[in-house]
Amino acid sequence: GEATTKISGIEPNPVFPDKYIATYDQPFN
């Protein structure tokens, strides 16, 4: 399988605070 990064959680989008973006574990691990 292609390398990917595990999503560990979410946090507010710094540009659009009413939206969310992912937080990640070790990149491409």
PDB file of all heavy atoms in Angstrom:
ATOM      1  N   GLY A   1       0.823  -1.201   0.000  1.00  0.00           N
ATOM      2  CA  GLY A   1       0.000   0.000   0.000  1.00  0.00           C
ATOM      3  C   GLY A   1       0.858   1.252   0.000  1.00  0.00           C
ATOM      4  O   GLY A   1       1.964   1.272   0.544  1.00  0.00           O
ATOM      5  N   GLU A   2       0.341   2.307  -0.622  1.00  0.00           N
ATOM      6  CA  GLU A   2       1.079   3.563  -0.704  1.00  0.00           C
ATOM      7  C   GLU A   2       1.276   4.155   0.691  1.00  0.00           C
ATOM      8  O   GLU A   2       0.436   4.008   1.577  1.00  0.00           O
ATOM      9  CB  GLU A   2       0.315   4.539  -1.590  1.00  0.00           C
ATOM     10  CG  GLU A   2       1.125   5.722  -2.062  1.00  0.00           C
ATOM     11  CD  GLU A   2       0.408   6.498  -3.147  1.00  0.00           C
ATOM     12  OE1 GLU A   2       0.348   6.016  -4.293  1.00  0.00           O
ATOM     13  OE2 GLU A   2      -0.106   7.601  -2.843  1.00  0.00           O
ATOM     14  N   ALA A   3       2.418   4.820   0.860  1.00  0.00           N
ATOM     15  CA  ALA A   3       2.697   5.462   2.144  1.00  0.00           C
ATOM     16  C   ALA A   3       1.635   6.516   2.445  1.00  0.00           C
ATOM     17  O   ALA A   3       1.197   7.255   1.570  1.00  0.00           O
ATOM     18  CB  ALA A   3       4.080   6.104   2.115  1.00  0.00           C
ATOM     19  N   THR A   4       1.215   6.571   3.696  1.00  0.00           N
ATOM     20  CA  THR A   4       0.225   7.553   4.112  1.00  0.00           C
ATOM     21  C   THR A   4       0.547   7.986   5.537  1.00  0.00           C
ATOM     22  O   THR A   4       1.434   7.420   6.187  1.00  0.00           O
ATOM     23  CB  THR A   4      -1.199   6.971   4.023  1.00  0.00           C
ATOM     24  OG1 THR A   4      -2.161   8.003   4.272  1.00  0.00           O
ATOM     25  CG2 THR A   4      -1.407   5.857   5.038  1.00  0.00           C
ATOM     26  N   THR A   5      -0.156   8.982   6.004  1.00  0.00           N
ATOM     27  CA  THR A   5       0.058   9.495   7.356  1.00  0.00           C
ATOM     28  C   THR A   5      -1.213   9.303   8.167  1.00  0.00           C
ATOM     29  O   THR A   5      -2.290   9.746   7.753  1.00  0.00           O
ATOM     30  CB  THR A   5       0.434  10.988   7.328  1.00  0.00           C
ATOM     31  OG1 THR A   5       1.590  11.156   6.498  1.00  0.00           O
ATOM     32  CG2 THR A   5       0.748  11.490   8.728  1.00  0.00           C
ATOM     33  N   LYS A   6      -1.088   8.648   9.305  1.00  0.00           N
ATOM     34  CA  LYS A   6      -2.248   8.370  10.136  1.00  0.00           C
ATOM     35  C   LYS A   6      -2.790   9.654  10.755  1.00  0.00           C
ATOM     36  O   LYS A   6      -2.053  10.467  11.301  1.00  0.00           O
ATOM     37  CB  LYS A   6      -1.881   7.386  11.236  1.00  0.00           C
ATOM     38  CG  LYS A   6      -3.069   6.929  12.074  1.00  0.00           C
ATOM     39  CD  LYS A   6      -2.640   5.897  13.096  1.00  0.00           C
ATOM     40  CE  LYS A   6      -3.828   5.430  13.932  1.00  0.00           C
ATOM     41  NZ  LYS A   6      -3.426   4.422  14.938  1.00  0.00           N
ATOM     42  N   ILE A   7      -4.105   9.838  10.628  1.00  0.00           N
ATOM     43  CA  ILE A   7      -4.768  10.989  11.242  1.00  0.00           C
ATOM     44  C   ILE A   7      -5.088  10.650  12.690  1.00  0.00           C
ATOM     45  O   ILE A   7      -5.754   9.659  12.983  1.00  0.00           O
ATOM     46  CB  ILE A   7      -6.045  11.349  10.469  1.00  0.00           C
ATOM     47  CG1 ILE A   7      -5.673  11.824   9.055  1.00  0.00           C
ATOM     48  CG2 ILE A   7      -6.848  12.414  11.202  1.00  0.00           C
ATOM     49  CD1 ILE A   7      -6.859  12.136   8.173  1.00  0.00           C
ATOM     50  N   SER A   8      -4.583  11.471  13.610  1.00  0.00           N
ATOM     51  CA  SER A   8      -4.752  11.188  15.036  1.00  0.00           C
ATOM     52  C   SER A   8      -5.857  12.005  15.686  1.00  0.00           C
ATOM     53  O   SER A   8      -6.330  11.672  16.776  1.00  0.00           O
ATOM     54  CB  SER A   8      -3.434  11.455  15.774  1.00  0.00           C
ATOM     55  OG  SER A   8      -3.019  12.803  15.594  1.00  0.00           O
ATOM     56  N   GLY A   9      -6.279  13.089  15.039  1.00  0.00           N
ATOM     57  CA  GLY A   9      -7.305  13.929  15.645  1.00  0.00           C
ATOM     58  C   GLY A   9      -7.661  15.085  14.732  1.00  0.00           C
ATOM     59  O   GLY A   9      -7.308  15.101  13.553  1.00  0.00           O
ATOM     60  N   ILE A  10      -8.360  16.058  15.292  1.00  0.00           N
ATOM     61  CA  ILE A  10      -8.750  17.243  14.532  1.00  0.00           C
ATOM     62  C   ILE A  10      -8.480  18.480  15.355  1.00  0.00           C
ATOM     63  O   ILE A  10      -8.349  18.423  16.595  1.00  0.00           O
ATOM     64  CB  ILE A  10     -10.243  17.207  14.118  1.00  0.00           C
ATOM     65  CG1 ILE A  10     -11.130  17.096  15.357  1.00  0.00           C
ATOM     66  CG2 ILE A  10     -10.504  16.072  13.141  1.00  0.00           C
ATOM     67  CD1 ILE A  10     -12.622  17.208  15.035  1.00  0.00           C
ATOM     68  N   GLU A  11      -8.394  19.621  14.667  1.00  0.00           N
ATOM     69  CA  GLU A  11      -8.237  20.910  15.327  1.00  0.00           C
ATOM     70  C   GLU A  11      -8.884  21.975  14.453  1.00  0.00           C
ATOM     71  O   GLU A  11      -9.086  21.754  13.247  1.00  0.00           O
ATOM     72  CB  GLU A  11      -6.761  21.230  15.562  1.00  0.00           C
ATOM     73  CG  GLU A  11      -5.955  21.383  14.286  1.00  0.00           C
ATOM     74  CD  GLU A  11      -4.483  21.645  14.562  1.00  0.00           C
ATOM     75  OE1 GLU A  11      -4.073  21.519  15.727  1.00  0.00           O
ATOM     76  OE2 GLU A  11      -3.756  21.972  13.605  1.00  0.00           O
ATOM     77  N   PRO A  12      -9.224  23.144  15.032  1.00  0.00           N
ATOM     78  CA  PRO A  12      -9.851  24.196  14.224  1.00  0.00           C
ATOM     79  C   PRO A  12      -8.940  24.628  13.081  1.00  0.00           C
ATOM     80  O   PRO A  12      -7.720  24.718  13.230  1.00  0.00           O
ATOM     81  CB  PRO A  12     -10.069  25.333  15.230  1.00  0.00           C
ATOM     82  CG  PRO A  12     -10.134  24.645  16.557  1.00  0.00           C
ATOM     83  CD  PRO A  12      -9.180  23.495  16.461  1.00  0.00           C
ATOM     84  N   ASN A  13      -9.548  24.882  11.939  1.00  0.00           N
ATOM     85  CA  ASN A  13      -8.824  25.386  10.785  1.00  0.00           C
ATOM     86  C   ASN A  13      -8.327  26.800  11.105  1.00  0.00           C
ATOM     87  O   ASN A  13      -9.126  27.672  11.441  1.00  0.00           O
ATOM     88  CB  ASN A  13      -9.761  25.413   9.564  1.00  0.00           C
ATOM     89  CG  ASN A  13      -9.053  25.733   8.269  1.00  0.00           C
ATOM     90  OD1 ASN A  13      -8.145  26.543   8.220  1.00  0.00           O
ATOM     91  ND2 ASN A  13      -9.498  25.087   7.206  1.00  0.00           N
ATOM     92  N   PRO A  14      -7.011  27.064  11.027  1.00  0.00           N
ATOM     93  CA  PRO A  14      -6.508  28.393  11.418  1.00  0.00           C
ATOM     94  C   PRO A  14      -7.002  29.511  10.509  1.00  0.00           C
ATOM     95  O   PRO A  14      -7.032  30.672  10.930  1.00  0.00           O
ATOM     96  CB  PRO A  14      -4.984  28.229  11.309  1.00  0.00           C
ATOM     97  CG  PRO A  14      -4.779  27.073  10.388  1.00  0.00           C
ATOM     98  CD  PRO A  14      -5.936  26.159  10.613  1.00  0.00           C
ATOM     99  N   VAL A  15      -7.400  29.211   9.295  1.00  0.00           N
ATOM    100  CA  VAL A  15      -7.885  30.240   8.370  1.00  0.00           C
ATOM    101  C   VAL A  15      -9.395  30.384   8.470  1.00  0.00           C
ATOM    102  O   VAL A  15      -9.936  31.487   8.395  1.00  0.00           O
ATOM    103  CB  VAL A  15      -7.466  29.899   6.924  1.00  0.00           C
ATOM    104  CG1 VAL A  15      -7.935  30.988   5.954  1.00  0.00           C
ATOM    105  CG2 VAL A  15      -5.953  29.725   6.831  1.00  0.00           C
ATOM    106  N   PHE A  16     -10.090  29.257   8.685  1.00  0.00           N
ATOM    107  CA  PHE A  16     -11.557  29.249   8.799  1.00  0.00           C
ATOM    108  C   PHE A  16     -11.909  28.554  10.112  1.00  0.00           C
ATOM    109  O   PHE A  16     -12.116  27.332  10.146  1.00  0.00           O
ATOM    110  CB  PHE A  16     -12.184  28.519   7.606  1.00  0.00           C
ATOM    111  CG  PHE A  16     -11.782  29.096   6.275  1.00  0.00           C
ATOM    112  CD1 PHE A  16     -10.777  28.499   5.536  1.00  0.00           C
ATOM    113  CD2 PHE A  16     -12.399  30.233   5.779  1.00  0.00           C
ATOM    114  CE1 PHE A  16     -10.400  29.019   4.307  1.00  0.00           C
ATOM    115  CE2 PHE A  16     -12.028  30.763   4.554  1.00  0.00           C
ATOM    116  CZ  PHE A  16     -11.023  30.165   3.817  1.00  0.00           C
ATOM    117  N   PRO A  17     -11.971  29.289  11.228  1.00  0.00           N
ATOM    118  CA  PRO A  17     -12.107  28.692  12.565  1.00  0.00           C
ATOM    119  C   PRO A  17     -13.354  27.844  12.763  1.00  0.00           C
ATOM    120  O   PRO A  17     -13.394  27.014  13.671  1.00  0.00           O
ATOM    121  CB  PRO A  17     -12.124  29.919  13.493  1.00  0.00           C
ATOM    122  CG  PRO A  17     -11.442  31.002  12.712  1.00  0.00           C
ATOM    123  CD  PRO A  17     -11.818  30.753  11.284  1.00  0.00           C
ATOM    124  N   ASP A  18     -14.406  28.027  11.932  1.00  0.00           N
ATOM    125  CA  ASP A  18     -15.615  27.220  12.090  1.00  0.00           C
ATOM    126  C   ASP A  18     -15.488  25.869  11.388  1.00  0.00           C
ATOM    127  O   ASP A  18     -16.414  25.061  11.415  1.00  0.00           O
ATOM    128  CB  ASP A  18     -16.829  27.973  11.562  1.00  0.00           C
ATOM    129  CG  ASP A  18     -16.686  28.352  10.094  1.00  0.00           C
ATOM    130  OD1 ASP A  18     -15.537  28.538   9.644  1.00  0.00           O
ATOM    131  OD2 ASP A  18     -17.714  28.461   9.412  1.00  0.00           O
ATOM    132  N   LYS A  19     -14.337  25.632  10.767  1.00  0.00           N
ATOM    133  CA  LYS A  19     -14.061  24.361  10.114  1.00  0.00           C
ATOM    134  C   LYS A  19     -12.924  23.660  10.857  1.00  0.00           C
ATOM    135  O   LYS A  19     -12.286  24.235  11.729  1.00  0.00           O
ATOM    136  CB  LYS A  19     -13.682  24.565   8.637  1.00  0.00           C
ATOM    137  CG  LYS A  19     -14.684  25.390   7.846  1.00  0.00           C
ATOM    138  CD  LYS A  19     -16.016  24.682   7.683  1.00  0.00           C
ATOM    139  CE  LYS A  19     -16.971  25.494   6.827  1.00  0.00           C
ATOM    140  NZ  LYS A  19     -18.290  24.846   6.664  1.00  0.00           N
ATOM    141  N   TYR A  20     -12.674  22.397  10.475  1.00  0.00           N
ATOM    142  CA  TYR A  20     -11.642  21.609  11.141  1.00  0.00           C
ATOM    143  C   TYR A  20     -10.655  21.040  10.117  1.00  0.00           C
ATOM    144  O   TYR A  20     -11.002  20.796   8.955  1.00  0.00           O
ATOM    145  CB  TYR A  20     -12.274  20.452  11.916  1.00  0.00           C
ATOM    146  CG  TYR A  20     -13.107  20.893  13.098  1.00  0.00           C
ATOM    147  CD1 TYR A  20     -14.469  21.175  12.933  1.00  0.00           C
ATOM    148  CD2 TYR A  20     -12.548  21.048  14.357  1.00  0.00           C
ATOM    149  CE1 TYR A  20     -15.249  21.584  14.000  1.00  0.00           C
ATOM    150  CE2 TYR A  20     -13.320  21.460  15.433  1.00  0.00           C
ATOM    151  CZ  TYR A  20     -14.667  21.730  15.248  1.00  0.00           C
ATOM    152  OH  TYR A  20     -15.429  22.141  16.320  1.00  0.00           O
ATOM    153  N   ILE A  21      -9.438  20.842  10.588  1.00  0.00           N
ATOM    154  CA  ILE A  21      -8.425  20.153   9.792  1.00  0.00           C
ATOM    155  C   ILE A  21      -7.859  19.010  10.623  1.00  0.00           C
ATOM    156  O   ILE A  21      -8.060  18.941  11.847  1.00  0.00           O
ATOM    157  CB  ILE A  21      -7.288  21.097   9.355  1.00  0.00           C
ATOM    158  CG1 ILE A  21      -6.573  21.687  10.576  1.00  0.00           C
ATOM    159  CG2 ILE A  21      -7.813  22.193   8.451  1.00  0.00           C
ATOM    160  CD1 ILE A  21      -5.345  22.502  10.220  1.00  0.00           C
ATOM    161  N   ALA A  22      -7.158  18.116   9.965  1.00  0.00           N
ATOM    162  CA  ALA A  22      -6.621  16.932  10.640  1.00  0.00           C
ATOM    163  C   ALA A  22      -5.322  17.252  11.373  1.00  0.00           C
ATOM    164  O   ALA A  22      -4.562  18.140  10.982  1.00  0.00           O
ATOM    165  CB  ALA A  22      -6.374  15.823   9.619  1.00  0.00           C
ATOM    166  N   THR A  23      -5.080  16.511  12.444  1.00  0.00           N
ATOM    167  CA  THR A  23      -3.756  16.455  13.068  1.00  0.00           C
ATOM    168  C   THR A  23      -3.195  15.064  12.805  1.00  0.00           C
ATOM    169  O   THR A  23      -3.936  14.082  12.706  1.00  0.00           O
ATOM    170  CB  THR A  23      -3.821  16.726  14.576  1.00  0.00           C
ATOM    171  OG1 THR A  23      -4.697  15.759  15.202  1.00  0.00           O
ATOM    172  CG2 THR A  23      -4.362  18.117  14.843  1.00  0.00           C
ATOM    173  N   TYR A  24      -1.865  14.983  12.687  1.00  0.00           N
ATOM    174  CA  TYR A  24      -1.256  13.769  12.163  1.00  0.00           C
ATOM    175  C   TYR A  24      -0.232  13.174  13.122  1.00  0.00           C
ATOM    176  O   TYR A  24       0.381  13.875  13.938  1.00  0.00           O
ATOM    177  CB  TYR A  24      -0.560  14.069  10.826  1.00  0.00           C
ATOM    178  CG  TYR A  24      -1.500  14.509   9.734  1.00  0.00           C
ATOM    179  CD1 TYR A  24      -1.735  15.863   9.497  1.00  0.00           C
ATOM    180  CD2 TYR A  24      -2.151  13.584   8.929  1.00  0.00           C
ATOM    181  CE1 TYR A  24      -2.592  16.282   8.482  1.00  0.00           C
ATOM    182  CE2 TYR A  24      -3.015  13.985   7.918  1.00  0.00           C
ATOM    183  CZ  TYR A  24      -3.226  15.332   7.701  1.00  0.00           C
ATOM    184  OH  TYR A  24      -4.075  15.746   6.709  1.00  0.00           O
ATOM    185  N   ASP A  25      -0.037  11.856  12.969  1.00  0.00           N
ATOM    186  CA  ASP A  25       1.087  11.168  13.600  1.00  0.00           C
ATOM    187  C   ASP A  25       2.335  11.425  12.760  1.00  0.00           C
ATOM    188  O   ASP A  25       2.383  12.365  11.976  1.00  0.00           O
ATOM    189  CB  ASP A  25       0.793   9.666  13.700  1.00  0.00           C
ATOM    190  CG  ASP A  25      -0.201   9.350  14.819  1.00  0.00           C
ATOM    191  OD1 ASP A  25      -0.480  10.246  15.641  1.00  0.00           O
ATOM    192  OD2 ASP A  25      -0.721   8.225  14.840  1.00  0.00           O
ATOM    193  N   GLN A  26       3.326  10.551  12.894  1.00  0.00           N
ATOM    194  CA  GLN A  26       4.553  10.712  12.131  1.00  0.00           C
ATOM    195  C   GLN A  26       4.274  10.697  10.633  1.00  0.00           C
ATOM    196  O   GLN A  26       3.576   9.812  10.133  1.00  0.00           O
ATOM    197  CB  GLN A  26       5.536   9.595  12.477  1.00  0.00           C
ATOM    198  CG  GLN A  26       6.092   9.677  13.895  1.00  0.00           C
ATOM    199  CD  GLN A  26       6.914  10.941  14.106  1.00  0.00           C
ATOM    200  OE1 GLN A  26       7.712  11.325  13.258  1.00  0.00           O
ATOM    201  NE2 GLN A  26       6.701  11.597  15.241  1.00  0.00           N
ATOM    202  N   PRO A  27       4.803  11.665   9.880  1.00  0.00           N
ATOM    203  CA  PRO A  27       4.505  11.756   8.443  1.00  0.00           C
ATOM    204  C   PRO A  27       4.907  10.496   7.671  1.00  0.00           C
ATOM    205  O   PRO A  27       6.000   9.959   7.863  1.00  0.00           O
ATOM    206  CB  PRO A  27       5.333  12.968   7.994  1.00  0.00           C
ATOM    207  CG  PRO A  27       5.524  13.779   9.236  1.00  0.00           C
ATOM    208  CD  PRO A  27       5.635  12.784  10.346  1.00  0.00           C
ATOM    209  N   PHE A  28       4.014  10.019   6.847  1.00  0.00           N
ATOM    210  CA  PHE A  28       4.237   8.893   5.938  1.00  0.00           C
ATOM    211  C   PHE A  28       4.758   7.654   6.665  1.00  0.00           C
ATOM    212  O   PHE A  28       5.538   6.877   6.114  1.00  0.00           O
ATOM    213  CB  PHE A  28       5.205   9.302   4.814  1.00  0.00           C
ATOM    214  CG  PHE A  28       4.779  10.546   4.093  1.00  0.00           C
ATOM    215  CD1 PHE A  28       5.543  11.708   4.152  1.00  0.00           C
ATOM    216  CD2 PHE A  28       3.599  10.577   3.376  1.00  0.00           C
ATOM    217  CE1 PHE A  28       5.147  12.860   3.503  1.00  0.00           C
ATOM    218  CE2 PHE A  28       3.191  11.725   2.706  1.00  0.00           C
ATOM    219  CZ  PHE A  28       3.974  12.872   2.783  1.00  0.00           C
ATOM    220  N   ASN A  29       4.294   7.482   7.909  1.00  0.00           N
ATOM    221  CA  ASN A  29       4.751   6.360   8.732  1.00  0.00           C
ATOM    222  C   ASN A  29       3.730   5.229   8.762  1.00  0.00           C
ATOM    223  O   ASN A  29       3.877   4.261   9.503  1.00  0.00           O
ATOM    224  CB  ASN A  29       5.039   6.845  10.161  1.00  0.00           C
ATOM    225  CG  ASN A  29       5.964   5.911  10.906  1.00  0.00           C
ATOM    226  OD1 ASN A  29       6.839   5.299  10.300  1.00  0.00           O
ATOM    227  ND2 ASN A  29       5.772   5.803  12.208  1.00  0.00           N
TER     228      ASN A  29
END
